[in-house]
């Protein structure tokens, strides 16, 4: 009988511990979901990529800048 009582106490303790851990995990999930919501809202308020592209063009960024290749087949030091 004593063994059963000890087993019941042990199992009750384990269940209480699991319940506490579950509550902590649920709280962490809620915080992550809230932060995710905030990030989505910030992204939406910025208007997406099209608005970001317009803002970049207004600040002087080029959409398709001409690329110049400055490398030569012969090292610069050997050119006359």
N, C-alpha and C. Protein backbone atom coordinates (compact mmCIF):
# COMPACT_ATOMS: atom_id res chain seq x y z
N UNK A 1 0.81 -1.19 0.00
CA UNK A 1 0.00 0.00 0.00
C UNK A 1 0.86 1.27 0.00
N UNK A 2 1.97 1.23 0.74
CA UNK A 2 2.86 2.39 0.83
C UNK A 2 3.50 2.68 -0.53
N UNK A 3 3.78 1.62 -1.27
CA UNK A 3 4.40 1.78 -2.59
C UNK A 3 3.43 2.51 -3.53
N UNK A 4 2.16 2.15 -3.46
CA UNK A 4 1.16 2.81 -4.30
C UNK A 4 1.02 4.28 -3.92
N UNK A 5 1.06 4.56 -2.65
CA UNK A 5 0.96 5.95 -2.19
C UNK A 5 2.15 6.77 -2.68
N UNK A 6 3.36 6.20 -2.60
CA UNK A 6 4.55 6.89 -3.08
C UNK A 6 4.49 7.10 -4.59
N UNK A 7 4.00 6.11 -5.31
CA UNK A 7 3.86 6.23 -6.76
C UNK A 7 2.86 7.33 -7.11
N UNK A 8 1.77 7.40 -6.36
CA UNK A 8 0.77 8.44 -6.60
C UNK A 8 1.35 9.82 -6.33
N UNK A 9 2.11 9.97 -5.27
CA UNK A 9 2.74 11.26 -4.94
C UNK A 9 3.73 11.65 -6.04
N UNK A 10 4.53 10.69 -6.49
CA UNK A 10 5.51 10.95 -7.54
C UNK A 10 4.83 11.39 -8.83
N UNK A 11 3.79 10.67 -9.22
CA UNK A 11 3.08 11.00 -10.46
C UNK A 11 2.38 12.35 -10.36
N UNK A 12 1.82 12.65 -9.20
CA UNK A 12 1.17 13.94 -9.00
C UNK A 12 2.19 15.07 -9.13
N UNK A 13 3.36 14.87 -8.57
CA UNK A 13 4.42 15.86 -8.65
C UNK A 13 4.85 16.06 -10.10
N UNK A 14 5.02 14.99 -10.84
CA UNK A 14 5.41 15.08 -12.25
C UNK A 14 4.35 15.81 -13.07
N UNK A 15 3.09 15.51 -12.83
CA UNK A 15 2.02 16.18 -13.56
C UNK A 15 1.99 17.68 -13.27
N UNK A 16 2.21 18.03 -12.02
CA UNK A 16 2.23 19.45 -11.65
C UNK A 16 3.40 20.17 -12.34
N UNK A 17 4.55 19.49 -12.40
CA UNK A 17 5.71 20.06 -13.08
C UNK A 17 5.44 20.24 -14.56
N UNK A 18 4.85 19.23 -15.20
CA UNK A 18 4.51 19.32 -16.62
C UNK A 18 3.50 20.44 -16.87
N UNK A 19 2.56 20.60 -15.98
CA UNK A 19 1.57 21.67 -16.12
C UNK A 19 2.21 23.05 -16.04
N UNK A 20 3.15 23.22 -15.13
CA UNK A 20 3.85 24.49 -14.98
C UNK A 20 4.68 24.78 -16.23
N UNK A 21 5.37 23.77 -16.73
CA UNK A 21 6.17 23.95 -17.94
C UNK A 21 5.27 24.29 -19.14
N UNK A 22 4.13 23.67 -19.20
CA UNK A 22 3.19 23.93 -20.29
C UNK A 22 2.71 25.38 -20.24
N UNK A 23 2.42 25.88 -19.05
CA UNK A 23 1.99 27.28 -18.91
C UNK A 23 3.09 28.24 -19.37
N UNK A 24 4.34 27.95 -19.02
CA UNK A 24 5.45 28.80 -19.45
C UNK A 24 5.59 28.81 -20.97
N UNK A 25 5.44 27.65 -21.57
CA UNK A 25 5.53 27.54 -23.03
C UNK A 25 4.38 28.28 -23.69
N UNK A 26 3.19 28.15 -23.15
CA UNK A 26 2.03 28.86 -23.71
C UNK A 26 2.22 30.38 -23.61
N UNK A 27 2.80 30.85 -22.53
CA UNK A 27 3.06 32.27 -22.35
C UNK A 27 4.08 32.74 -23.39
N UNK A 28 5.11 31.96 -23.61
CA UNK A 28 6.13 32.30 -24.59
C UNK A 28 5.54 32.33 -26.01
N UNK A 29 4.67 31.39 -26.32
CA UNK A 29 4.00 31.37 -27.62
C UNK A 29 3.16 32.63 -27.82
N UNK A 30 2.45 33.03 -26.78
CA UNK A 30 1.63 34.24 -26.86
C UNK A 30 2.49 35.47 -27.14
N UNK A 31 3.64 35.57 -26.48
CA UNK A 31 4.55 36.70 -26.70
C UNK A 31 5.09 36.70 -28.13
N UNK A 32 5.45 35.53 -28.64
CA UNK A 32 5.97 35.43 -30.01
C UNK A 32 4.88 35.78 -31.01
N UNK A 33 3.66 35.33 -30.79
CA UNK A 33 2.56 35.66 -31.70
C UNK A 33 2.29 37.16 -31.70
N UNK A 34 2.38 37.80 -30.53
CA UNK A 34 2.17 39.24 -30.44
C UNK A 34 3.25 39.99 -31.22
N UNK A 35 4.50 39.57 -31.05
CA UNK A 35 5.61 40.21 -31.77
C UNK A 35 5.45 39.99 -33.28
N UNK A 36 5.03 38.81 -33.68
CA UNK A 36 4.81 38.51 -35.09
C UNK A 36 3.74 39.44 -35.67
N UNK A 37 2.71 39.69 -34.91
CA UNK A 37 1.65 40.62 -35.31
C UNK A 37 2.20 42.02 -35.50
N UNK A 38 3.04 42.46 -34.58
CA UNK A 38 3.64 43.78 -34.68
C UNK A 38 4.49 43.91 -35.94
N UNK A 39 5.28 42.88 -36.23
CA UNK A 39 6.14 42.91 -37.41
C UNK A 39 5.30 42.94 -38.68
N UNK A 40 4.23 42.16 -38.72
CA UNK A 40 3.35 42.16 -39.89
C UNK A 40 2.72 43.54 -40.08
N UNK A 41 2.33 44.16 -38.99
CA UNK A 41 1.72 45.49 -39.06
C UNK A 41 2.73 46.52 -39.56
N UNK A 42 3.95 46.47 -39.07
CA UNK A 42 4.99 47.39 -39.53
C UNK A 42 5.26 47.20 -41.02
N UNK A 43 5.30 45.96 -41.46
CA UNK A 43 5.54 45.66 -42.87
C UNK A 43 4.41 46.19 -43.72
N UNK A 44 3.19 46.00 -43.28
CA UNK A 44 2.03 46.48 -44.04
C UNK A 44 2.00 48.00 -44.08
N UNK A 45 2.39 48.65 -43.01
CA UNK A 45 2.35 50.11 -42.98
C UNK A 45 3.39 50.72 -43.91
N UNK A 46 4.43 49.98 -44.18
CA UNK A 46 5.45 50.47 -45.10
C UNK A 46 5.02 50.31 -46.55
N UNK A 47 3.98 49.55 -46.80
CA UNK A 47 3.41 49.46 -48.15
C UNK A 47 4.06 48.43 -49.04
N UNK A 48 4.87 47.60 -48.52
CA UNK A 48 5.44 46.54 -49.33
C UNK A 48 6.61 47.00 -50.19
N UNK A 49 6.98 46.14 -51.12
CA UNK A 49 8.17 46.38 -51.93
C UNK A 49 8.00 47.53 -52.92
N UNK A 50 6.80 47.71 -53.45
CA UNK A 50 6.58 48.78 -54.42
C UNK A 50 6.84 50.15 -53.78
N UNK A 51 6.34 50.35 -52.58
CA UNK A 51 6.55 51.62 -51.89
C UNK A 51 8.02 51.79 -51.53
N UNK A 52 8.65 50.72 -51.13
CA UNK A 52 10.06 50.77 -50.78
C UNK A 52 10.89 51.15 -52.01
N UNK A 53 10.53 50.61 -53.16
CA UNK A 53 11.23 50.95 -54.41
C UNK A 53 11.05 52.43 -54.73
N UNK A 54 9.84 52.95 -54.58
CA UNK A 54 9.59 54.38 -54.83
C UNK A 54 10.40 55.26 -53.89
N UNK A 55 10.46 54.87 -52.63
CA UNK A 55 11.24 55.65 -51.66
C UNK A 55 12.72 55.65 -52.03
N UNK A 56 13.23 54.51 -52.49
CA UNK A 56 14.64 54.41 -52.88
C UNK A 56 14.92 55.30 -54.08
N UNK A 57 14.02 55.31 -55.05
CA UNK A 57 14.20 56.16 -56.23
C UNK A 57 14.18 57.64 -55.85
N UNK A 58 13.31 58.01 -54.91
CA UNK A 58 13.24 59.40 -54.44
C UNK A 58 14.55 59.83 -53.76
N UNK A 59 15.22 58.88 -53.12
CA UNK A 59 16.46 59.20 -52.40
C UNK A 59 17.69 59.11 -53.30
N UNK A 60 17.46 58.85 -54.61
CA UNK A 60 18.58 58.87 -55.54
C UNK A 60 19.15 57.53 -55.91
N UNK A 61 18.57 56.45 -55.46
CA UNK A 61 19.05 55.14 -55.86
C UNK A 61 18.60 54.88 -57.29
N UNK A 62 19.43 54.20 -58.06
CA UNK A 62 19.09 53.86 -59.44
C UNK A 62 18.45 52.49 -59.48
N UNK A 63 17.46 52.35 -60.35
CA UNK A 63 16.78 51.06 -60.46
C UNK A 63 17.68 50.04 -61.14
N UNK A 64 18.26 50.40 -62.27
CA UNK A 64 19.17 49.52 -63.01
C UNK A 64 20.42 50.30 -63.38
N UNK A 65 21.34 50.46 -62.48
CA UNK A 65 22.53 51.24 -62.79
C UNK A 65 23.41 50.51 -63.81
N UNK A 66 24.13 51.29 -64.63
CA UNK A 66 25.05 50.70 -65.59
C UNK A 66 26.25 50.17 -64.83
N UNK A 67 26.63 48.95 -65.11
CA UNK A 67 27.75 48.33 -64.44
C UNK A 67 28.97 48.43 -65.35
N UNK A 68 30.06 48.92 -64.83
CA UNK A 68 31.30 49.01 -65.59
C UNK A 68 32.30 48.04 -65.01
N UNK A 69 32.88 47.24 -65.89
CA UNK A 69 33.88 46.27 -65.47
C UNK A 69 35.25 46.89 -65.65
N UNK A 70 35.98 47.05 -64.59
CA UNK A 70 37.28 47.70 -64.64
C UNK A 70 38.44 46.72 -64.74
N UNK A 71 38.16 45.46 -64.77
CA UNK A 71 39.26 44.49 -64.83
C UNK A 71 39.76 44.37 -66.27
N UNK A 72 41.05 44.07 -66.42
CA UNK A 72 41.64 43.85 -67.73
C UNK A 72 42.32 42.49 -67.72
N UNK A 73 42.65 42.01 -68.89
CA UNK A 73 43.28 40.68 -68.98
C UNK A 73 44.71 40.72 -68.47
N UNK A 74 45.37 41.87 -68.65
CA UNK A 74 46.75 42.03 -68.20
C UNK A 74 46.72 42.87 -66.93
N UNK A 75 47.48 42.51 -65.92
CA UNK A 75 47.51 43.32 -64.70
C UNK A 75 47.90 44.76 -65.00
N UNK A 76 47.39 45.70 -64.25
CA UNK A 76 47.60 47.12 -64.46
C UNK A 76 49.09 47.46 -64.41
N UNK A 77 49.85 46.84 -63.58
CA UNK A 77 51.27 47.15 -63.43
C UNK A 77 52.05 46.83 -64.69
N UNK A 78 51.56 45.91 -65.52
CA UNK A 78 52.29 45.53 -66.73
C UNK A 78 51.87 46.35 -67.95
N UNK A 79 50.82 47.17 -67.84
CA UNK A 79 50.37 47.98 -68.98
C UNK A 79 51.35 49.14 -69.20
N UNK A 80 51.66 49.45 -70.47
CA UNK A 80 52.60 50.56 -70.73
C UNK A 80 51.95 51.90 -70.48
